[in-house]
Amino acid sequence: MAENYSDKDFLEMVVKALVDHPQDVKVDRKVDEMGVLITLDVHSEDMGKIIGRQGNTAKAIRTLLRVVGMKNNARVNLKINEPVGGLRAETISASASVDQAMEDLKM
């Protein structure tokens, strides 16, 4: 019996339509006793498009995945991985450089 990965294919299609770097979209699917876990990796410049304002785009994608999962009698969860060099990393490094500058000023 062949497995049905329509949830993975659906997510990949939706995300590639939203981002500027579709070649960098990576979708991984794992099944365990808790259900289906789909992890999503995108280019760091595309994170804002996937998350959306106040997380609304990500919430909508998760809702649609749950509907697809219900059709296949599966509980589907989405994890969006933080990209390397993402905004959060830039914020941390900028904060660290400000802290270092303050230390330098104290002499």
PDB file of N, CA and C in Angstrom:
ATOM      1  N   MET A   1       0.835  -1.183   0.000  1.00  0.00           N
ATOM      2  CA  MET A   1       0.000   0.000   0.000  1.00  0.00           C
ATOM      3  C   MET A   1       0.883   1.250   0.000  1.00  0.00           C
ATOM      4  N   ALA A   2       0.688   2.107  -0.972  1.00  0.00           N
ATOM      5  CA  ALA A   2       1.499   3.324  -1.091  1.00  0.00           C
ATOM      6  C   ALA A   2       1.010   4.364  -0.089  1.00  0.00           C
ATOM      7  N   GLU A   3       1.949   5.098   0.491  1.00  0.00           N
ATOM      8  CA  GLU A   3       1.600   6.142   1.453  1.00  0.00           C
ATOM      9  C   GLU A   3       1.152   7.390   0.707  1.00  0.00           C
ATOM     10  N   ASN A   4       0.242   8.121   1.309  1.00  0.00           N
ATOM     11  CA  ASN A   4      -0.274   9.348   0.711  1.00  0.00           C
ATOM     12  C   ASN A   4       0.398  10.545   1.385  1.00  0.00           C
ATOM     13  N   TYR A   5       1.172  11.307   0.638  1.00  0.00           N
ATOM     14  CA  TYR A   5       1.874  12.464   1.183  1.00  0.00           C
ATOM     15  C   TYR A   5       1.249  13.757   0.688  1.00  0.00           C
ATOM     16  N   SER A   6      -0.064  13.786   0.535  1.00  0.00           N
ATOM     17  CA  SER A   6      -0.699  14.983  -0.010  1.00  0.00           C
ATOM     18  C   SER A   6      -0.482  16.200   0.885  1.00  0.00           C
ATOM     19  N   ASP A   7      -0.333  15.990   2.212  1.00  0.00           N
ATOM     20  CA  ASP A   7      -0.094  17.122   3.101  1.00  0.00           C
ATOM     21  C   ASP A   7       1.251  17.776   2.804  1.00  0.00           C
ATOM     22  N   LYS A   8       2.268  16.973   2.578  1.00  0.00           N
ATOM     23  CA  LYS A   8       3.602  17.494   2.260  1.00  0.00           C
ATOM     24  C   LYS A   8       3.587  18.216   0.912  1.00  0.00           C
ATOM     25  N   ASP A   9       2.975  17.599  -0.088  1.00  0.00           N
ATOM     26  CA  ASP A   9       2.890  18.206  -1.417  1.00  0.00           C
ATOM     27  C   ASP A   9       2.097  19.515  -1.376  1.00  0.00           C
ATOM     28  N   PHE A  10       1.010  19.521  -0.607  1.00  0.00           N
ATOM     29  CA  PHE A  10       0.182  20.715  -0.467  1.00  0.00           C
ATOM     30  C   PHE A  10       0.981  21.862   0.140  1.00  0.00           C
ATOM     31  N   LEU A  11       1.683  21.571   1.236  1.00  0.00           N
ATOM     32  CA  LEU A  11       2.481  22.605   1.904  1.00  0.00           C
ATOM     33  C   LEU A  11       3.552  23.152   0.963  1.00  0.00           C
ATOM     34  N   GLU A  12       4.231  22.262   0.271  1.00  0.00           N
ATOM     35  CA  GLU A  12       5.293  22.691  -0.642  1.00  0.00           C
ATOM     36  C   GLU A  12       4.734  23.603  -1.734  1.00  0.00           C
ATOM     37  N   MET A  13       3.577  23.256  -2.273  1.00  0.00           N
ATOM     38  CA  MET A  13       2.963  24.058  -3.334  1.00  0.00           C
ATOM     39  C   MET A  13       2.588  25.450  -2.801  1.00  0.00           C
ATOM     40  N   VAL A  14       1.963  25.515  -1.626  1.00  0.00           N
ATOM     41  CA  VAL A  14       1.531  26.788  -1.049  1.00  0.00           C
ATOM     42  C   VAL A  14       2.728  27.679  -0.740  1.00  0.00           C
ATOM     43  N   VAL A  15       3.729  27.112  -0.076  1.00  0.00           N
ATOM     44  CA  VAL A  15       4.890  27.905   0.343  1.00  0.00           C
ATOM     45  C   VAL A  15       5.663  28.410  -0.873  1.00  0.00           C
ATOM     46  N   LYS A  16       5.876  27.565  -1.864  1.00  0.00           N
ATOM     47  CA  LYS A  16       6.611  27.997  -3.059  1.00  0.00           C
ATOM     48  C   LYS A  16       5.895  29.120  -3.789  1.00  0.00           C
ATOM     49  N   ALA A  17       4.572  29.169  -3.689  1.00  0.00           N
ATOM     50  CA  ALA A  17       3.806  30.246  -4.321  1.00  0.00           C
ATOM     51  C   ALA A  17       3.957  31.565  -3.557  1.00  0.00           C
ATOM     52  N   LEU A  18       4.300  31.494  -2.267  1.00  0.00           N
ATOM     53  CA  LEU A  18       4.394  32.703  -1.443  1.00  0.00           C
ATOM     54  C   LEU A  18       5.777  33.345  -1.419  1.00  0.00           C
ATOM     55  N   VAL A  19       6.828  32.564  -1.610  1.00  0.00           N
ATOM     56  CA  VAL A  19       8.190  33.044  -1.364  1.00  0.00           C
ATOM     57  C   VAL A  19       8.876  33.555  -2.634  1.00  0.00           C
ATOM     58  N   ASP A  20       9.971  34.285  -2.429  1.00  0.00           N
ATOM     59  CA  ASP A  20      10.786  34.780  -3.541  1.00  0.00           C
ATOM     60  C   ASP A  20      11.879  33.788  -3.938  1.00  0.00           C
ATOM     61  N   HIS A  21      12.180  32.836  -3.058  1.00  0.00           N
ATOM     62  CA  HIS A  21      13.241  31.850  -3.314  1.00  0.00           C
ATOM     63  C   HIS A  21      12.664  30.432  -3.218  1.00  0.00           C
ATOM     64  N   PRO A  22      11.802  30.036  -4.185  1.00  0.00           N
ATOM     65  CA  PRO A  22      11.163  28.713  -4.090  1.00  0.00           C
ATOM     66  C   PRO A  22      12.157  27.552  -4.145  1.00  0.00           C
ATOM     67  N   GLN A  23      13.314  27.785  -4.740  1.00  0.00           N
ATOM     68  CA  GLN A  23      14.312  26.717  -4.824  1.00  0.00           C
ATOM     69  C   GLN A  23      14.890  26.377  -3.448  1.00  0.00           C
ATOM     70  N   ASP A  24      14.747  27.268  -2.464  1.00  0.00           N
ATOM     71  CA  ASP A  24      15.278  27.045  -1.121  1.00  0.00           C
ATOM     72  C   ASP A  24      14.253  26.453  -0.160  1.00  0.00           C
ATOM     73  N   VAL A  25      13.048  26.175  -0.641  1.00  0.00           N
ATOM     74  CA  VAL A  25      12.015  25.585   0.216  1.00  0.00           C
ATOM     75  C   VAL A  25      12.313  24.102   0.411  1.00  0.00           C
ATOM     76  N   LYS A  26      12.351  23.688   1.676  1.00  0.00           N
ATOM     77  CA  LYS A  26      12.593  22.278   2.000  1.00  0.00           C
ATOM     78  C   LYS A  26      11.516  21.827   2.976  1.00  0.00           C
ATOM     79  N   VAL A  27      10.821  20.759   2.630  1.00  0.00           N
ATOM     80  CA  VAL A  27       9.753  20.226   3.463  1.00  0.00           C
ATOM     81  C   VAL A  27      10.119  18.799   3.845  1.00  0.00           C
ATOM     82  N   ASP A  28      10.072  18.521   5.148  1.00  0.00           N
ATOM     83  CA  ASP A  28      10.379  17.175   5.644  1.00  0.00           C
ATOM     84  C   ASP A  28       9.169  16.664   6.412  1.00  0.00           C
ATOM     85  N   ARG A  29       8.852  15.394   6.253  1.00  0.00           N
ATOM     86  CA  ARG A  29       7.662  14.812   6.870  1.00  0.00           C
ATOM     87  C   ARG A  29       8.058  13.610   7.707  1.00  0.00           C
ATOM     88  N   LYS A  30       7.614  13.587   8.970  1.00  0.00           N
ATOM     89  CA  LYS A  30       7.879  12.455   9.854  1.00  0.00           C
ATOM     90  C   LYS A  30       6.576  12.039  10.518  1.00  0.00           C
ATOM     91  N   VAL A  31       6.414  10.739  10.680  1.00  0.00           N
ATOM     92  CA  VAL A  31       5.223  10.209  11.321  1.00  0.00           C
ATOM     93  C   VAL A  31       5.641   9.472  12.587  1.00  0.00           C
ATOM     94  N   ASP A  32       4.932   9.750  13.699  1.00  0.00           N
ATOM     95  CA  ASP A  32       5.153   9.014  14.941  1.00  0.00           C
ATOM     96  C   ASP A  32       3.808   8.784  15.621  1.00  0.00           C
ATOM     97  N   GLU A  33       3.830   8.350  16.869  1.00  0.00           N
ATOM     98  CA  GLU A  33       2.574   8.050  17.564  1.00  0.00           C
ATOM     99  C   GLU A  33       1.720   9.293  17.808  1.00  0.00           C
ATOM    100  N   MET A  34       2.312  10.475  17.753  1.00  0.00           N
ATOM    101  CA  MET A  34       1.575  11.727  17.959  1.00  0.00           C
ATOM    102  C   MET A  34       0.904  12.216  16.676  1.00  0.00           C
ATOM    103  N   GLY A  35       1.293  11.696  15.540  1.00  0.00           N
ATOM    104  CA  GLY A  35       0.729  12.117  14.270  1.00  0.00           C
ATOM    105  C   GLY A  35       1.824  12.445  13.277  1.00  0.00           C
ATOM    106  N   VAL A  36       1.538  13.384  12.395  1.00  0.00           N
ATOM    107  CA  VAL A  36       2.474  13.779  11.342  1.00  0.00           C
ATOM    108  C   VAL A  36       3.118  15.108  11.749  1.00  0.00           C
ATOM    109  N   LEU A  37       4.435  15.163  11.664  1.00  0.00           N
ATOM    110  CA  LEU A  37       5.154  16.418  11.902  1.00  0.00           C
ATOM    111  C   LEU A  37       5.817  16.815  10.594  1.00  0.00           C
ATOM    112  N   ILE A  38       5.449  17.976  10.102  1.00  0.00           N
ATOM    113  CA  ILE A  38       6.057  18.501   8.884  1.00  0.00           C
ATOM    114  C   ILE A  38       6.931  19.679   9.289  1.00  0.00           C
ATOM    115  N   THR A  39       8.198  19.634   8.894  1.00  0.00           N
ATOM    116  CA  THR A  39       9.107  20.740   9.176  1.00  0.00           C
ATOM    117  C   THR A  39       9.365  21.496   7.886  1.00  0.00           C
ATOM    118  N   LEU A  40       9.438  22.802   8.007  1.00  0.00           N
ATOM    119  CA  LEU A  40       9.595  23.674   6.851  1.00  0.00           C
ATOM    120  C   LEU A  40      10.840  24.526   7.014  1.00  0.00           C
ATOM    121  N   ASP A  41      11.670  24.544   5.988  1.00  0.00           N
ATOM    122  CA  ASP A  41      12.839  25.423   5.928  1.00  0.00           C
ATOM    123  C   ASP A  41      12.684  26.306   4.707  1.00  0.00           C
ATOM    124  N   VAL A  42      12.899  27.615   4.892  1.00  0.00           N
ATOM    125  CA  VAL A  42      12.848  28.570   3.784  1.00  0.00           C
ATOM    126  C   VAL A  42      14.057  29.492   3.863  1.00  0.00           C
ATOM    127  N   HIS A  43      14.295  30.218   2.791  1.00  0.00           N
ATOM    128  CA  HIS A  43      15.367  31.218   2.742  1.00  0.00           C
ATOM    129  C   HIS A  43      15.089  32.273   3.808  1.00  0.00           C
ATOM    130  N   SER A  44      16.143  32.804   4.412  1.00  0.00           N
ATOM    131  CA  SER A  44      15.973  33.770   5.507  1.00  0.00           C
ATOM    132  C   SER A  44      15.184  35.007   5.080  1.00  0.00           C
ATOM    133  N   GLU A  45      15.308  35.431   3.830  1.00  0.00           N
ATOM    134  CA  GLU A  45      14.557  36.602   3.352  1.00  0.00           C
ATOM    135  C   GLU A  45      13.062  36.322   3.227  1.00  0.00           C
ATOM    136  N   ASP A  46      12.681  35.044   3.185  1.00  0.00           N
ATOM    137  CA  ASP A  46      11.282  34.670   2.993  1.00  0.00           C
ATOM    138  C   ASP A  46      10.531  34.391   4.294  1.00  0.00           C
ATOM    139  N   MET A  47      11.211  34.445   5.433  1.00  0.00           N
ATOM    140  CA  MET A  47      10.560  34.117   6.698  1.00  0.00           C
ATOM    141  C   MET A  47       9.365  35.027   6.979  1.00  0.00           C
ATOM    142  N   GLY A  48       9.502  36.297   6.712  1.00  0.00           N
ATOM    143  CA  GLY A  48       8.404  37.231   6.956  1.00  0.00           C
ATOM    144  C   GLY A  48       7.167  36.908   6.143  1.00  0.00           C
ATOM    145  N   LYS A  49       7.369  36.442   4.931  1.00  0.00           N
ATOM    146  CA  LYS A  49       6.235  36.087   4.078  1.00  0.00           C
ATOM    147  C   LYS A  49       5.524  34.844   4.598  1.00  0.00           C
ATOM    148  N   ILE A  50       6.263  33.923   5.175  1.00  0.00           N
ATOM    149  CA  ILE A  50       5.674  32.685   5.682  1.00  0.00           C
ATOM    150  C   ILE A  50       4.986  32.928   7.029  1.00  0.00           C
ATOM    151  N   ILE A  51       5.586  33.748   7.881  1.00  0.00           N
ATOM    152  CA  ILE A  51       5.003  34.024   9.190  1.00  0.00           C
ATOM    153  C   ILE A  51       3.816  34.986   9.056  1.00  0.00           C
ATOM    154  N   GLY A  52       3.994  36.053   8.295  1.00  0.00           N
ATOM    155  CA  GLY A  52       2.925  37.033   8.110  1.00  0.00           C
ATOM    156  C   GLY A  52       2.796  37.960   9.301  1.00  0.00           C
ATOM    157  N   ARG A  53       1.939  38.946   9.170  1.00  0.00           N
ATOM    158  CA  ARG A  53       1.716  39.893  10.277  1.00  0.00           C
ATOM    159  C   ARG A  53       1.076  39.176  11.444  1.00  0.00           C
ATOM    160  N   GLN A  54       1.699  39.338  12.602  1.00  0.00           N
ATOM    161  CA  GLN A  54       1.245  38.713  13.846  1.00  0.00           C
ATOM    162  C   GLN A  54       1.068  37.202  13.699  1.00  0.00           C
ATOM    163  N   GLY A  55       1.783  36.606  12.748  1.00  0.00           N
ATOM    164  CA  GLY A  55       1.730  35.163  12.568  1.00  0.00           C
ATOM    165  C   GLY A  55       0.508  34.654  11.841  1.00  0.00           C
ATOM    166  N   ASN A  56      -0.238  35.558  11.211  1.00  0.00           N
ATOM    167  CA  ASN A  56      -1.498  35.154  10.583  1.00  0.00           C
ATOM    168  C   ASN A  56      -1.317  34.204   9.406  1.00  0.00           C
ATOM    169  N   THR A  57      -0.284  34.405   8.594  1.00  0.00           N
ATOM    170  CA  THR A  57      -0.060  33.510   7.457  1.00  0.00           C
ATOM    171  C   THR A  57       0.299  32.114   7.952  1.00  0.00           C
ATOM    172  N   ALA A  58       1.172  32.028   8.944  1.00  0.00           N
ATOM    173  CA  ALA A  58       1.550  30.729   9.503  1.00  0.00           C
ATOM    174  C   ALA A  58       0.341  30.026  10.115  1.00  0.00           C
ATOM    175  N   LYS A  59      -0.509  30.783  10.815  1.00  0.00           N
ATOM    176  CA  LYS A  59      -1.720  30.194  11.401  1.00  0.00           C
ATOM    177  C   LYS A  59      -2.634  29.645  10.313  1.00  0.00           C
ATOM    178  N   ALA A  60      -2.786  30.402   9.231  1.00  0.00           N
ATOM    179  CA  ALA A  60      -3.645  29.962   8.130  1.00  0.00           C
ATOM    180  C   ALA A  60      -3.100  28.697   7.474  1.00  0.00           C
ATOM    181  N   ILE A  61      -1.785  28.640   7.278  1.00  0.00           N
ATOM    182  CA  ILE A  61      -1.165  27.450   6.686  1.00  0.00           C
ATOM    183  C   ILE A  61      -1.375  26.245   7.605  1.00  0.00           C
ATOM    184  N   ARG A  62      -1.196  26.439   8.917  1.00  0.00           N
ATOM    185  CA  ARG A  62      -1.406  25.344   9.875  1.00  0.00           C
ATOM    186  C   ARG A  62      -2.853  24.858   9.852  1.00  0.00           C
ATOM    187  N   THR A  63      -3.797  25.792   9.765  1.00  0.00           N
ATOM    188  CA  THR A  63      -5.217  25.421   9.706  1.00  0.00           C
ATOM    189  C   THR A  63      -5.508  24.594   8.462  1.00  0.00           C
ATOM    190  N   LEU A  64      -4.988  25.037   7.326  1.00  0.00           N
ATOM    191  CA  LEU A  64      -5.203  24.289   6.084  1.00  0.00           C
ATOM    192  C   LEU A  64      -4.578  22.893   6.156  1.00  0.00           C
ATOM    193  N   LEU A  65      -3.398  22.802   6.774  1.00  0.00           N
ATOM    194  CA  LEU A  65      -2.760  21.485   6.921  1.00  0.00           C
ATOM    195  C   LEU A  65      -3.592  20.563   7.806  1.00  0.00           C
ATOM    196  N   ARG A  66      -4.205  21.108   8.846  1.00  0.00           N
ATOM    197  CA  ARG A  66      -5.064  20.281   9.706  1.00  0.00           C
ATOM    198  C   ARG A  66      -6.261  19.753   8.919  1.00  0.00           C
ATOM    199  N   VAL A  67      -6.815  20.582   8.037  1.00  0.00           N
ATOM    200  CA  VAL A  67      -7.944  20.151   7.209  1.00  0.00           C
ATOM    201  C   VAL A  67      -7.511  19.023   6.279  1.00  0.00           C
ATOM    202  N   VAL A  68      -6.352  19.187   5.649  1.00  0.00           N
ATOM    203  CA  VAL A  68      -5.824  18.130   4.776  1.00  0.00           C
ATOM    204  C   VAL A  68      -5.594  16.858   5.599  1.00  0.00           C
ATOM    205  N   GLY A  69      -5.062  17.017   6.810  1.00  0.00           N
ATOM    206  CA  GLY A  69      -4.831  15.869   7.682  1.00  0.00           C
ATOM    207  C   GLY A  69      -6.117  15.179   8.084  1.00  0.00           C
ATOM    208  N   MET A  70      -7.164  15.959   8.388  1.00  0.00           N
ATOM    209  CA  MET A  70      -8.451  15.367   8.768  1.00  0.00           C
ATOM    210  C   MET A  70      -9.015  14.526   7.628  1.00  0.00           C
ATOM    211  N   LYS A  71      -8.810  14.969   6.418  1.00  0.00           N
ATOM    212  CA  LYS A  71      -9.275  14.214   5.251  1.00  0.00           C
ATOM    213  C   LYS A  71      -8.603  12.845   5.192  1.00  0.00           C
ATOM    214  N   ASN A  72      -7.347  12.787   5.663  1.00  0.00           N
ATOM    215  CA  ASN A  72      -6.582  11.538   5.645  1.00  0.00           C
ATOM    216  C   ASN A  72      -6.522  10.871   7.026  1.00  0.00           C
ATOM    217  N   ASN A  73      -7.398  11.307   7.950  1.00  0.00           N
ATOM    218  CA  ASN A  73      -7.437  10.757   9.313  1.00  0.00           C
ATOM    219  C   ASN A  73      -6.086  10.828  10.017  1.00  0.00           C
ATOM    220  N   ALA A  74      -5.421  11.959   9.902  1.00  0.00           N
ATOM    221  CA  ALA A  74      -4.114  12.146  10.536  1.00  0.00           C
ATOM    222  C   ALA A  74      -4.070  13.506  11.211  1.00  0.00           C
ATOM    223  N   ARG A  75      -3.338  13.583  12.304  1.00  0.00           N
ATOM    224  CA  ARG A  75      -3.109  14.857  12.977  1.00  0.00           C
ATOM    225  C   ARG A  75      -1.809  15.430  12.413  1.00  0.00           C
ATOM    226  N   VAL A  76      -1.900  16.586  11.768  1.00  0.00           N
ATOM    227  CA  VAL A  76      -0.742  17.179  11.105  1.00  0.00           C
ATOM    228  C   VAL A  76      -0.318  18.439  11.861  1.00  0.00           C
ATOM    229  N   ASN A  77       0.964  18.508  12.205  1.00  0.00           N
ATOM    230  CA  ASN A  77       1.548  19.681  12.863  1.00  0.00           C
ATOM    231  C   ASN A  77       2.654  20.239  11.991  1.00  0.00           C
ATOM    232  N   LEU A  78       2.827  21.547  12.028  1.00  0.00           N
ATOM    233  CA  LEU A  78       3.849  22.218  11.231  1.00  0.00           C
ATOM    234  C   LEU A  78       4.849  22.904  12.144  1.00  0.00           C
ATOM    235  N   LYS A  79       6.119  22.650  11.884  1.00  0.00           N
ATOM    236  CA  LYS A  79       7.202  23.347  12.576  1.00  0.00           C
ATOM    237  C   LYS A  79       7.967  24.143  11.525  1.00  0.00           C
ATOM    238  N   ILE A  80       8.100  25.446  11.752  1.00  0.00           N
ATOM    239  CA  ILE A  80       8.845  26.304  10.830  1.00  0.00           C
ATOM    240  C   ILE A  80      10.204  26.558  11.456  1.00  0.00           C
ATOM    241  N   ASN A  81      11.250  26.061  10.817  1.00  0.00           N
ATOM    242  CA  ASN A  81      12.602  26.210  11.353  1.00  0.00           C
ATOM    243  C   ASN A  81      13.142  27.609  11.109  1.00  0.00           C
ATOM    244  N   GLU A  82      13.854  28.117  12.109  1.00  0.00           N
ATOM    245  CA  GLU A  82      14.523  29.417  11.992  1.00  0.00           C
ATOM    246  C   GLU A  82      15.688  29.269  11.005  1.00  0.00           C
ATOM    247  N   PRO A  83      15.747  30.076   9.944  1.00  0.00           N
ATOM    248  CA  PRO A  83      16.846  29.942   8.987  1.00  0.00           C
ATOM    249  C   PRO A  83      18.165  30.442   9.562  1.00  0.00           C
ATOM    250  N   VAL A  84      19.248  29.872   9.078  1.00  0.00           N
ATOM    251  CA  VAL A  84      20.573  30.332   9.472  1.00  0.00           C
ATOM    252  C   VAL A  84      20.750  31.742   8.925  1.00  0.00           C
ATOM    253  N   GLY A  85      21.199  32.646   9.767  1.00  0.00           N
ATOM    254  CA  GLY A  85      21.367  34.034   9.327  1.00  0.00           C
ATOM    255  C   GLY A  85      20.064  34.792   9.269  1.00  0.00           C
ATOM    256  N   GLY A  86      19.051  34.310   9.980  1.00  0.00           N
ATOM    257  CA  GLY A  86      17.751  34.965   9.987  1.00  0.00           C
ATOM    258  C   GLY A  86      17.774  36.249  10.790  1.00  0.00           C
ATOM    259  N   LEU A  87      16.651  36.925  10.831  1.00  0.00           N
ATOM    260  CA  LEU A  87      16.539  38.213  11.513  1.00  0.00           C
ATOM    261  C   LEU A  87      16.857  38.096  12.996  1.00  0.00           C
ATOM    262  N   ARG A  88      16.428  37.006  13.612  1.00  0.00           N
ATOM    263  CA  ARG A  88      16.685  36.834  15.039  1.00  0.00           C
ATOM    264  C   ARG A  88      18.182  36.779  15.308  1.00  0.00           C
ATOM    265  N   ALA A  89      18.940  36.090  14.445  1.00  0.00           N
ATOM    266  CA  ALA A  89      20.398  36.025  14.602  1.00  0.00           C
ATOM    267  C   ALA A  89      21.020  37.401  14.405  1.00  0.00           C
ATOM    268  N   GLU A  90      20.497  38.168  13.429  1.00  0.00           N
ATOM    269  CA  GLU A  90      21.010  39.516  13.198  1.00  0.00           C
ATOM    270  C   GLU A  90      20.730  40.402  14.404  1.00  0.00           C
ATOM    271  N   THR A  91      19.561  40.267  15.009  1.00  0.00           N
ATOM    272  CA  THR A  91      19.206  41.066  16.182  1.00  0.00           C
ATOM    273  C   THR A  91      20.128  40.745  17.342  1.00  0.00           C
ATOM    274  N   ILE A  92      20.414  39.469  17.540  1.00  0.00           N
ATOM    275  CA  ILE A  92      21.301  39.058  18.623  1.00  0.00           C
ATOM    276  C   ILE A  92      22.697  39.609  18.409  1.00  0.00           C
ATOM    277  N   SER A  93      23.219  39.503  17.170  1.00  0.00           N
ATOM    278  CA  SER A  93      24.573  39.993  16.925  1.00  0.00           C
ATOM    279  C   SER A  93      24.634  41.518  17.040  1.00  0.00           C
ATOM    280  N   ALA A  94      23.593  42.224  16.612  1.00  0.00           N
ATOM    281  CA  ALA A  94      23.562  43.684  16.751  1.00  0.00           C
ATOM    282  C   ALA A  94      23.527  44.066  18.221  1.00  0.00           C
ATOM    283  N   SER A  95      22.748  43.342  18.999  1.00  0.00           N
ATOM    284  CA  SER A  95      22.674  43.604  20.430  1.00  0.00           C
ATOM    285  C   SER A  95      24.019  43.356  21.094  1.00  0.00           C
ATOM    286  N   ALA A  96      24.703  42.299  20.690  1.00  0.00           N
ATOM    287  CA  ALA A  96      26.010  41.982  21.258  1.00  0.00           C
ATOM    288  C   ALA A  96      27.019  43.075  20.921  1.00  0.00           C
ATOM    289  N   SER A  97      26.957  43.624  19.698  1.00  0.00           N
ATOM    290  CA  SER A  97      27.902  44.671  19.328  1.00  0.00           C
ATOM    291  C   SER A  97      27.622  45.961  20.093  1.00  0.00           C
ATOM    292  N   VAL A  98      26.347  46.256  20.397  1.00  0.00           N
ATOM    293  CA  VAL A  98      26.004  47.419  21.211  1.00  0.00           C
ATOM    294  C   VAL A  98      26.540  47.223  22.622  1.00  0.00           C
ATOM    295  N   ASP A  99      26.362  46.014  23.166  1.00  0.00           N
ATOM    296  CA  ASP A  99      26.901  45.724  24.505  1.00  0.00           C
ATOM    297  C   ASP A  99      28.414  45.900  24.532  1.00  0.00           C
ATOM    298  N   GLN A 100      29.073  45.430  23.485  1.00  0.00           N
ATOM    299  CA  GLN A 100      30.531  45.560  23.416  1.00  0.00           C
ATOM    300  C   GLN A 100      30.941  47.030  23.328  1.00  0.00           C
ATOM    301  N   ALA A 101      30.209  47.817  22.554  1.00  0.00           N
ATOM    302  CA  ALA A 101      30.511  49.244  22.434  1.00  0.00           C
ATOM    303  C   ALA A 101      30.348  49.946  23.772  1.00  0.00           C
ATOM    304  N   MET A 102      29.328  49.577  24.530  1.00  0.00           N
ATOM    305  CA  MET A 102      29.114  50.166  25.854  1.00  0.00           C
ATOM    306  C   MET A 102      30.272  49.808  26.790  1.00  0.00           C
ATOM    307  N   GLU A 103      30.724  48.579  26.725  1.00  0.00           N
ATOM    308  CA  GLU A 103      31.862  48.152  27.536  1.00  0.00           C
ATOM    309  C   GLU A 103      33.120  48.941  27.158  1.00  0.00           C
ATOM    310  N   ASP A 104      33.333  49.151  25.865  1.00  0.00           N
ATOM    311  CA  ASP A 104      34.491  49.892  25.388  1.00  0.00           C
ATOM    312  C   ASP A 104      34.472  51.346  25.885  1.00  0.00           C
ATOM    313  N   LEU A 105      33.278  51.933  25.988  1.00  0.00           N
ATOM    314  CA  LEU A 105      33.150  53.306  26.440  1.00  0.00           C
ATOM    315  C   LEU A 105      33.450  53.469  27.924  1.00  0.00           C
ATOM    316  N   LYS A 106      33.245  52.400  28.694  1.00  0.00           N
ATOM    317  CA  LYS A 106      33.460  52.477  30.149  1.00  0.00           C
ATOM    318  C   LYS A 106      34.928  52.627  30.506  1.00  0.00           C
ATOM    319  N   MET A 107      35.815  52.091  29.710  1.00  0.00           N
ATOM    320  CA  MET A 107      37.256  52.117  29.908  1.00  0.00           C
ATOM    321  C   MET A 107      37.579  51.832  31.326  1.00  0.00           C
TER     322      MET A 107
END
